[in-house]
Amino acid sequence: MATGYVFFETDLRDRFVQVLAARALGCHLHDDEIEGLVVELDGEPDDELMEALEGEYEALMQEQMLRAEDRPDWGSHQVASLEITRADGSPATVRLPPAVARPLLEHFSAEEAHALVTAIAHSLEDPQDGPLCRRDLLRPQD
């Protein structure tokens, strides 16, 4: 699954595309199903480059948040989501209300938030009943 970044203003999206171009990374653009502009990477960069891209994206999202706070008509258009891979390998979008997404992303990196939401989704797909402390439920850390 390709890594995607959602923007709500063309100039912010275009600045991110310039960052990608400066790093010789290809991408394609499309509109989000609900609202917004999506930039999807053509490939998966290495961890170091991905971390740098996440930093660039977070800075642009901070700018977007400041702009949104200055626009009272944007309060009804808040949306947040994380793309996950289900236990069966199929992709899914987990939509988060702004009141949950904001503190989650303020206190956790994008990778940590993704891991948390994925773990919750997998737990819902394959619930394990019984006591919490069971050796057969322990899985080695990757």
N, C-alpha and C. Protein backbone atom coordinates (compact mmCIF):
# COMPACT_ATOMS: atom_id res chain seq x y z
N MET A 1 0.85 -1.17 0.00
CA MET A 1 0.00 0.00 0.00
C MET A 1 0.89 1.23 0.00
N ALA A 2 0.53 2.20 -0.81
CA ALA A 2 1.32 3.43 -0.92
C ALA A 2 1.07 4.33 0.28
N THR A 3 2.09 5.07 0.65
CA THR A 3 1.97 6.04 1.73
C THR A 3 1.31 7.30 1.17
N GLY A 4 0.27 7.78 1.84
CA GLY A 4 -0.45 8.95 1.37
C GLY A 4 -0.47 10.05 2.42
N TYR A 5 -0.52 11.29 1.94
CA TYR A 5 -0.57 12.47 2.80
C TYR A 5 -1.74 13.32 2.33
N VAL A 6 -2.58 13.76 3.27
CA VAL A 6 -3.77 14.55 2.94
C VAL A 6 -3.53 16.01 3.28
N PHE A 7 -3.93 16.87 2.35
CA PHE A 7 -3.84 18.32 2.53
C PHE A 7 -5.20 18.93 2.24
N PHE A 8 -5.43 20.13 2.76
CA PHE A 8 -6.70 20.80 2.54
C PHE A 8 -6.53 22.10 1.78
N GLU A 9 -5.30 22.46 1.48
CA GLU A 9 -5.06 23.66 0.69
C GLU A 9 -3.99 23.35 -0.35
N THR A 10 -4.23 23.83 -1.55
CA THR A 10 -3.37 23.52 -2.69
C THR A 10 -1.93 23.97 -2.47
N ASP A 11 -1.73 25.15 -1.89
CA ASP A 11 -0.36 25.65 -1.73
C ASP A 11 0.45 24.78 -0.77
N LEU A 12 -0.18 24.25 0.28
CA LEU A 12 0.53 23.37 1.20
C LEU A 12 0.86 22.04 0.52
N ARG A 13 -0.10 21.52 -0.23
CA ARG A 13 0.17 20.29 -0.99
C ARG A 13 1.33 20.50 -1.97
N ASP A 14 1.31 21.61 -2.67
CA ASP A 14 2.35 21.88 -3.66
C ASP A 14 3.72 22.03 -3.00
N ARG A 15 3.77 22.62 -1.81
CA ARG A 15 5.06 22.73 -1.10
C ARG A 15 5.58 21.34 -0.73
N PHE A 16 4.69 20.44 -0.35
CA PHE A 16 5.12 19.08 -0.03
C PHE A 16 5.61 18.35 -1.29
N VAL A 17 4.93 18.55 -2.39
CA VAL A 17 5.36 17.95 -3.66
C VAL A 17 6.74 18.47 -4.04
N GLN A 18 7.03 19.74 -3.78
CA GLN A 18 8.36 20.29 -4.04
C GLN A 18 9.42 19.62 -3.17
N VAL A 19 9.06 19.33 -1.90
CA VAL A 19 9.98 18.62 -1.01
C VAL A 19 10.29 17.24 -1.60
N LEU A 20 9.27 16.56 -2.09
CA LEU A 20 9.46 15.23 -2.68
C LEU A 20 10.34 15.32 -3.93
N ALA A 21 10.07 16.30 -4.77
CA ALA A 21 10.85 16.47 -5.99
C ALA A 21 12.32 16.76 -5.68
N ALA A 22 12.56 17.57 -4.65
CA ALA A 22 13.94 17.89 -4.25
C ALA A 22 14.69 16.65 -3.78
N ARG A 23 13.94 15.67 -3.30
CA ARG A 23 14.55 14.42 -2.83
C ARG A 23 14.44 13.31 -3.88
N ALA A 24 14.05 13.69 -5.08
CA ALA A 24 13.94 12.77 -6.22
C ALA A 24 12.93 11.65 -5.95
N LEU A 25 11.83 11.99 -5.28
CA LEU A 25 10.78 11.01 -5.00
C LEU A 25 9.58 11.30 -5.89
N GLY A 26 9.07 10.27 -6.53
CA GLY A 26 7.89 10.42 -7.38
C GLY A 26 6.62 10.31 -6.55
N CYS A 27 5.55 10.90 -7.07
CA CYS A 27 4.26 10.83 -6.38
C CYS A 27 3.17 11.03 -7.40
N HIS A 28 1.96 10.73 -6.99
CA HIS A 28 0.80 11.10 -7.80
C HIS A 28 -0.24 11.73 -6.89
N LEU A 29 -1.05 12.57 -7.49
CA LEU A 29 -2.01 13.40 -6.75
C LEU A 29 -3.42 13.00 -7.12
N HIS A 30 -4.32 13.04 -6.14
CA HIS A 30 -5.73 12.84 -6.41
C HIS A 30 -6.54 13.48 -5.29
N ASP A 31 -7.82 13.64 -5.53
CA ASP A 31 -8.71 14.19 -4.51
C ASP A 31 -9.10 13.10 -3.53
N ASP A 32 -9.27 13.47 -2.27
CA ASP A 32 -9.75 12.54 -1.25
C ASP A 32 -11.22 12.26 -1.50
N GLU A 33 -11.69 11.09 -1.06
CA GLU A 33 -13.09 10.71 -1.25
C GLU A 33 -14.04 11.67 -0.54
N ILE A 34 -13.65 12.18 0.62
CA ILE A 34 -14.52 13.06 1.38
C ILE A 34 -14.21 14.51 1.06
N GLU A 35 -13.00 14.91 1.36
CA GLU A 35 -12.57 16.29 1.10
C GLU A 35 -11.07 16.34 1.28
N GLY A 36 -10.41 17.07 0.46
CA GLY A 36 -8.97 17.22 0.61
C GLY A 36 -8.22 16.78 -0.63
N LEU A 37 -6.93 16.95 -0.56
CA LEU A 37 -6.02 16.66 -1.66
C LEU A 37 -4.99 15.64 -1.17
N VAL A 38 -4.84 14.55 -1.88
CA VAL A 38 -3.96 13.47 -1.44
C VAL A 38 -2.71 13.43 -2.31
N VAL A 39 -1.56 13.27 -1.64
CA VAL A 39 -0.29 13.03 -2.31
C VAL A 39 0.13 11.63 -1.91
N GLU A 40 0.26 10.73 -2.90
CA GLU A 40 0.69 9.36 -2.63
C GLU A 40 2.07 9.15 -3.21
N LEU A 41 2.95 8.60 -2.39
CA LEU A 41 4.31 8.30 -2.84
C LEU A 41 4.27 7.15 -3.82
N ASP A 42 5.13 7.21 -4.83
CA ASP A 42 5.20 6.13 -5.81
C ASP A 42 5.90 4.89 -5.25
N GLY A 43 6.76 5.07 -4.27
CA GLY A 43 7.47 3.96 -3.66
C GLY A 43 7.57 4.16 -2.16
N GLU A 44 8.24 3.26 -1.50
CA GLU A 44 8.44 3.36 -0.06
C GLU A 44 9.89 3.76 0.21
N PRO A 45 10.12 4.98 0.70
CA PRO A 45 11.49 5.40 1.01
C PRO A 45 12.03 4.67 2.24
N ASP A 46 13.33 4.73 2.42
CA ASP A 46 13.93 4.10 3.60
C ASP A 46 13.48 4.85 4.86
N ASP A 47 13.76 4.24 6.02
CA ASP A 47 13.27 4.79 7.29
C ASP A 47 13.76 6.20 7.56
N GLU A 48 15.01 6.48 7.24
CA GLU A 48 15.56 7.82 7.49
C GLU A 48 14.85 8.88 6.66
N LEU A 49 14.63 8.58 5.40
CA LEU A 49 13.94 9.52 4.52
C LEU A 49 12.46 9.65 4.93
N MET A 50 11.86 8.55 5.32
CA MET A 50 10.46 8.59 5.75
C MET A 50 10.32 9.47 6.99
N GLU A 51 11.27 9.38 7.90
CA GLU A 51 11.23 10.22 9.10
C GLU A 51 11.34 11.70 8.73
N ALA A 52 12.20 12.02 7.77
CA ALA A 52 12.34 13.40 7.32
C ALA A 52 11.04 13.89 6.67
N LEU A 53 10.40 13.03 5.86
CA LEU A 53 9.14 13.40 5.23
C LEU A 53 8.04 13.62 6.27
N GLU A 54 8.01 12.78 7.29
CA GLU A 54 7.01 12.95 8.35
C GLU A 54 7.20 14.29 9.05
N GLY A 55 8.46 14.68 9.26
CA GLY A 55 8.73 15.98 9.86
C GLY A 55 8.23 17.13 9.00
N GLU A 56 8.49 17.04 7.70
CA GLU A 56 8.01 18.07 6.76
C GLU A 56 6.48 18.13 6.78
N TYR A 57 5.84 16.95 6.74
CA TYR A 57 4.38 16.89 6.74
C TYR A 57 3.81 17.47 8.03
N GLU A 58 4.40 17.11 9.16
CA GLU A 58 3.92 17.63 10.44
C GLU A 58 4.01 19.15 10.50
N ALA A 59 5.09 19.71 9.96
CA ALA A 59 5.24 21.17 9.93
C ALA A 59 4.14 21.81 9.08
N LEU A 60 3.85 21.19 7.94
CA LEU A 60 2.78 21.72 7.09
C LEU A 60 1.41 21.56 7.75
N MET A 61 1.22 20.48 8.48
CA MET A 61 -0.06 20.28 9.18
C MET A 61 -0.23 21.29 10.32
N GLN A 62 0.87 21.66 10.95
CA GLN A 62 0.81 22.71 11.98
C GLN A 62 0.36 24.02 11.34
N GLU A 63 0.93 24.32 10.19
CA GLU A 63 0.52 25.54 9.47
C GLU A 63 -0.95 25.44 9.07
N GLN A 64 -1.36 24.25 8.61
CA GLN A 64 -2.77 24.06 8.24
C GLN A 64 -3.68 24.27 9.44
N MET A 65 -3.26 23.75 10.60
CA MET A 65 -4.07 23.89 11.81
C MET A 65 -4.22 25.36 12.18
N LEU A 66 -3.14 26.13 12.10
CA LEU A 66 -3.21 27.55 12.41
C LEU A 66 -4.15 28.28 11.45
N ARG A 67 -4.08 27.92 10.19
CA ARG A 67 -4.99 28.52 9.21
C ARG A 67 -6.44 28.16 9.53
N ALA A 68 -6.66 26.90 9.87
CA ALA A 68 -8.02 26.43 10.16
C ALA A 68 -8.58 27.14 11.38
N GLU A 69 -7.75 27.37 12.38
CA GLU A 69 -8.22 28.05 13.59
C GLU A 69 -8.64 29.48 13.30
N ASP A 70 -8.08 30.07 12.25
CA ASP A 70 -8.44 31.43 11.86
C ASP A 70 -9.69 31.48 11.00
N ARG A 71 -10.20 30.31 10.61
CA ARG A 71 -11.38 30.25 9.75
C ARG A 71 -12.52 29.55 10.48
N PRO A 72 -13.47 30.30 11.02
CA PRO A 72 -14.54 29.68 11.80
C PRO A 72 -15.39 28.70 10.99
N ASP A 73 -15.46 28.88 9.67
CA ASP A 73 -16.26 27.98 8.84
C ASP A 73 -15.62 26.60 8.67
N TRP A 74 -14.39 26.42 9.13
CA TRP A 74 -13.72 25.13 8.98
C TRP A 74 -14.00 24.19 10.14
N GLY A 75 -14.63 24.65 11.19
CA GLY A 75 -14.89 23.79 12.35
C GLY A 75 -15.68 22.55 12.01
N SER A 76 -16.57 22.64 11.04
CA SER A 76 -17.39 21.48 10.68
C SER A 76 -16.71 20.58 9.67
N HIS A 77 -15.51 20.92 9.24
CA HIS A 77 -14.82 20.14 8.22
C HIS A 77 -13.60 19.39 8.75
N GLN A 78 -13.51 19.24 10.04
CA GLN A 78 -12.36 18.55 10.60
C GLN A 78 -12.48 17.05 10.36
N VAL A 79 -11.38 16.45 9.95
CA VAL A 79 -11.36 15.01 9.72
C VAL A 79 -9.93 14.51 9.93
N ALA A 80 -9.82 13.31 10.44
CA ALA A 80 -8.51 12.70 10.58
C ALA A 80 -8.69 11.21 10.33
N SER A 81 -7.68 10.61 9.74
CA SER A 81 -7.75 9.17 9.49
C SER A 81 -6.35 8.60 9.43
N LEU A 82 -6.27 7.30 9.64
CA LEU A 82 -5.02 6.56 9.51
C LEU A 82 -5.29 5.37 8.61
N GLU A 83 -4.40 5.14 7.69
CA GLU A 83 -4.50 3.96 6.84
C GLU A 83 -3.82 2.80 7.55
N ILE A 84 -4.50 1.66 7.63
CA ILE A 84 -3.92 0.48 8.26
C ILE A 84 -4.05 -0.70 7.32
N THR A 85 -3.37 -1.76 7.66
CA THR A 85 -3.53 -3.03 6.96
C THR A 85 -4.18 -4.00 7.94
N ARG A 86 -5.31 -4.53 7.53
CA ARG A 86 -6.03 -5.48 8.39
C ARG A 86 -5.20 -6.75 8.55
N ALA A 87 -5.60 -7.58 9.51
CA ALA A 87 -4.90 -8.84 9.77
C ALA A 87 -4.87 -9.73 8.53
N ASP A 88 -5.90 -9.63 7.67
CA ASP A 88 -5.93 -10.46 6.46
C ASP A 88 -5.14 -9.84 5.30
N GLY A 89 -4.52 -8.67 5.55
CA GLY A 89 -3.70 -8.02 4.53
C GLY A 89 -4.42 -6.96 3.72
N SER A 90 -5.72 -6.81 3.88
CA SER A 90 -6.46 -5.81 3.11
C SER A 90 -6.32 -4.43 3.76
N PRO A 91 -6.34 -3.38 2.93
CA PRO A 91 -6.20 -2.02 3.48
C PRO A 91 -7.51 -1.53 4.09
N ALA A 92 -7.39 -0.61 5.02
CA ALA A 92 -8.56 0.00 5.66
C ALA A 92 -8.21 1.40 6.12
N THR A 93 -9.21 2.23 6.20
CA THR A 93 -9.06 3.58 6.73
C THR A 93 -9.79 3.65 8.06
N VAL A 94 -9.08 4.07 9.10
CA VAL A 94 -9.69 4.26 10.41
C VAL A 94 -9.87 5.76 10.58
N ARG A 95 -11.12 6.18 10.67
CA ARG A 95 -11.43 7.60 10.83
C ARG A 95 -11.47 7.93 12.32
N LEU A 96 -10.85 9.04 12.67
CA LEU A 96 -10.77 9.45 14.07
C LEU A 96 -11.42 10.81 14.23
N PRO A 97 -12.24 10.97 15.27
CA PRO A 97 -12.79 12.31 15.52
C PRO A 97 -11.67 13.26 15.93
N PRO A 98 -11.77 14.53 15.59
CA PRO A 98 -10.71 15.48 15.91
C PRO A 98 -10.33 15.49 17.39
N ALA A 99 -11.30 15.30 18.27
CA ALA A 99 -11.01 15.32 19.71
C ALA A 99 -10.11 14.16 20.12
N VAL A 100 -10.08 13.09 19.34
CA VAL A 100 -9.20 11.95 19.61
C VAL A 100 -7.89 12.11 18.84
N ALA A 101 -7.99 12.51 17.59
CA ALA A 101 -6.81 12.59 16.72
C ALA A 101 -5.80 13.64 17.19
N ARG A 102 -6.29 14.79 17.59
CA ARG A 102 -5.37 15.87 17.97
C ARG A 102 -4.45 15.48 19.12
N PRO A 103 -4.97 15.03 20.28
CA PRO A 103 -4.05 14.65 21.35
C PRO A 103 -3.20 13.43 21.00
N LEU A 104 -3.77 12.51 20.23
CA LEU A 104 -3.00 11.33 19.82
C LEU A 104 -1.77 11.75 19.03
N LEU A 105 -1.96 12.63 18.05
CA LEU A 105 -0.85 13.04 17.20
C LEU A 105 0.05 14.09 17.85
N GLU A 106 -0.44 14.73 18.92
CA GLU A 106 0.41 15.67 19.66
C GLU A 106 1.40 14.92 20.56
N HIS A 107 1.00 13.73 21.02
CA HIS A 107 1.81 12.99 21.99
C HIS A 107 2.54 11.78 21.41
N PHE A 108 2.16 11.37 20.21
CA PHE A 108 2.78 10.21 19.58
C PHE A 108 3.24 10.57 18.18
N SER A 109 4.31 9.93 17.72
CA SER A 109 4.75 10.13 16.34
C SER A 109 3.71 9.48 15.42
N ALA A 110 3.78 9.77 14.14
CA ALA A 110 2.86 9.16 13.18
C ALA A 110 2.99 7.65 13.20
N GLU A 111 4.22 7.14 13.32
CA GLU A 111 4.44 5.70 13.35
C GLU A 111 3.84 5.07 14.61
N GLU A 112 4.00 5.74 15.76
CA GLU A 112 3.45 5.23 17.01
C GLU A 112 1.92 5.23 16.98
N ALA A 113 1.33 6.30 16.45
CA ALA A 113 -0.13 6.38 16.35
C ALA A 113 -0.64 5.28 15.42
N HIS A 114 0.06 5.09 14.31
CA HIS A 114 -0.31 4.04 13.36
C HIS A 114 -0.25 2.66 14.03
N ALA A 115 0.82 2.40 14.78
CA ALA A 115 0.97 1.11 15.46
C ALA A 115 -0.15 0.91 16.49
N LEU A 116 -0.49 1.95 17.21
CA LEU A 116 -1.55 1.86 18.22
C LEU A 116 -2.90 1.55 17.58
N VAL A 117 -3.26 2.30 16.55
CA VAL A 117 -4.55 2.11 15.89
C VAL A 117 -4.60 0.74 15.21
N THR A 118 -3.49 0.31 14.61
CA THR A 118 -3.43 -1.01 13.99
C THR A 118 -3.63 -2.10 15.03
N ALA A 119 -2.97 -1.98 16.19
CA ALA A 119 -3.11 -2.98 17.25
C ALA A 119 -4.56 -3.06 17.73
N ILE A 120 -5.22 -1.91 17.87
CA ILE A 120 -6.62 -1.91 18.30
C ILE A 120 -7.49 -2.58 17.24
N ALA A 121 -7.28 -2.24 15.98
CA ALA A 121 -8.07 -2.84 14.90
C ALA A 121 -7.88 -4.35 14.85
N HIS A 122 -6.63 -4.81 14.96
CA HIS A 122 -6.37 -6.25 14.94
C HIS A 122 -7.03 -6.93 16.13
N SER A 123 -7.02 -6.28 17.29
CA SER A 123 -7.65 -6.84 18.48
C SER A 123 -9.17 -6.96 18.29
N LEU A 124 -9.76 -6.01 17.61
CA LEU A 124 -11.20 -6.07 17.34
C LEU A 124 -11.53 -7.15 16.32
N GLU A 125 -10.63 -7.35 15.35
CA GLU A 125 -10.84 -8.38 14.33
C GLU A 125 -10.70 -9.78 14.90
N ASP A 126 -9.81 -9.94 15.87
CA ASP A 126 -9.51 -11.25 16.43
C ASP A 126 -9.47 -11.14 17.95
N PRO A 127 -10.64 -10.95 18.58
CA PRO A 127 -10.65 -10.76 20.03
C PRO A 127 -10.17 -12.01 20.76
N GLN A 128 -9.44 -11.80 21.83
CA GLN A 128 -8.94 -12.89 22.67
C GLN A 128 -9.66 -12.80 24.01
N ASP A 129 -10.55 -13.73 24.25
CA ASP A 129 -11.30 -13.75 25.50
C ASP A 129 -10.48 -14.40 26.60
N GLY A 130 -10.89 -14.19 27.82
CA GLY A 130 -10.23 -14.82 28.95
C GLY A 130 -9.31 -13.85 29.66
N PRO A 131 -8.48 -14.39 30.55
CA PRO A 131 -7.59 -13.53 31.33
C PRO A 131 -6.61 -12.77 30.43
N LEU A 132 -6.26 -11.59 30.88
CA LEU A 132 -5.32 -10.77 30.12
C LEU A 132 -3.92 -11.38 30.12
N CYS A 133 -3.49 -11.92 31.24
CA CYS A 133 -2.15 -12.48 31.37
C CYS A 133 -2.17 -13.96 31.02
N ARG A 134 -1.86 -14.27 29.77
CA ARG A 134 -1.77 -15.66 29.31
C ARG A 134 -0.55 -15.80 28.44
N ARG A 135 0.25 -16.82 28.70
CA ARG A 135 1.48 -17.04 27.92
C ARG A 135 1.19 -17.26 26.43
N ASP A 136 0.08 -17.93 26.12
CA ASP A 136 -0.21 -18.22 24.71
C ASP A 136 -0.57 -16.98 23.91
N LEU A 137 -0.83 -15.86 24.58
CA LEU A 137 -1.13 -14.61 23.88
C LEU A 137 0.09 -13.73 23.71
N LEU A 138 1.19 -14.09 24.36
CA LEU A 138 2.40 -13.28 24.24
C LEU A 138 3.03 -13.53 22.88
N ARG A 139 3.37 -12.47 22.23
CA ARG A 139 4.02 -12.58 20.92
C ARG A 139 5.34 -11.85 21.00
N PRO A 140 6.37 -12.39 20.40
CA PRO A 140 7.66 -11.67 20.43
C PRO A 140 7.55 -10.34 19.70
N GLN A 141 8.26 -9.34 20.23
CA GLN A 141 8.30 -8.03 19.59
C GLN A 141 9.09 -8.11 18.31
N ASP A 142 8.60 -7.41 17.27
CA ASP A 142 9.31 -7.37 15.97
C ASP A 142 10.55 -6.54 16.06
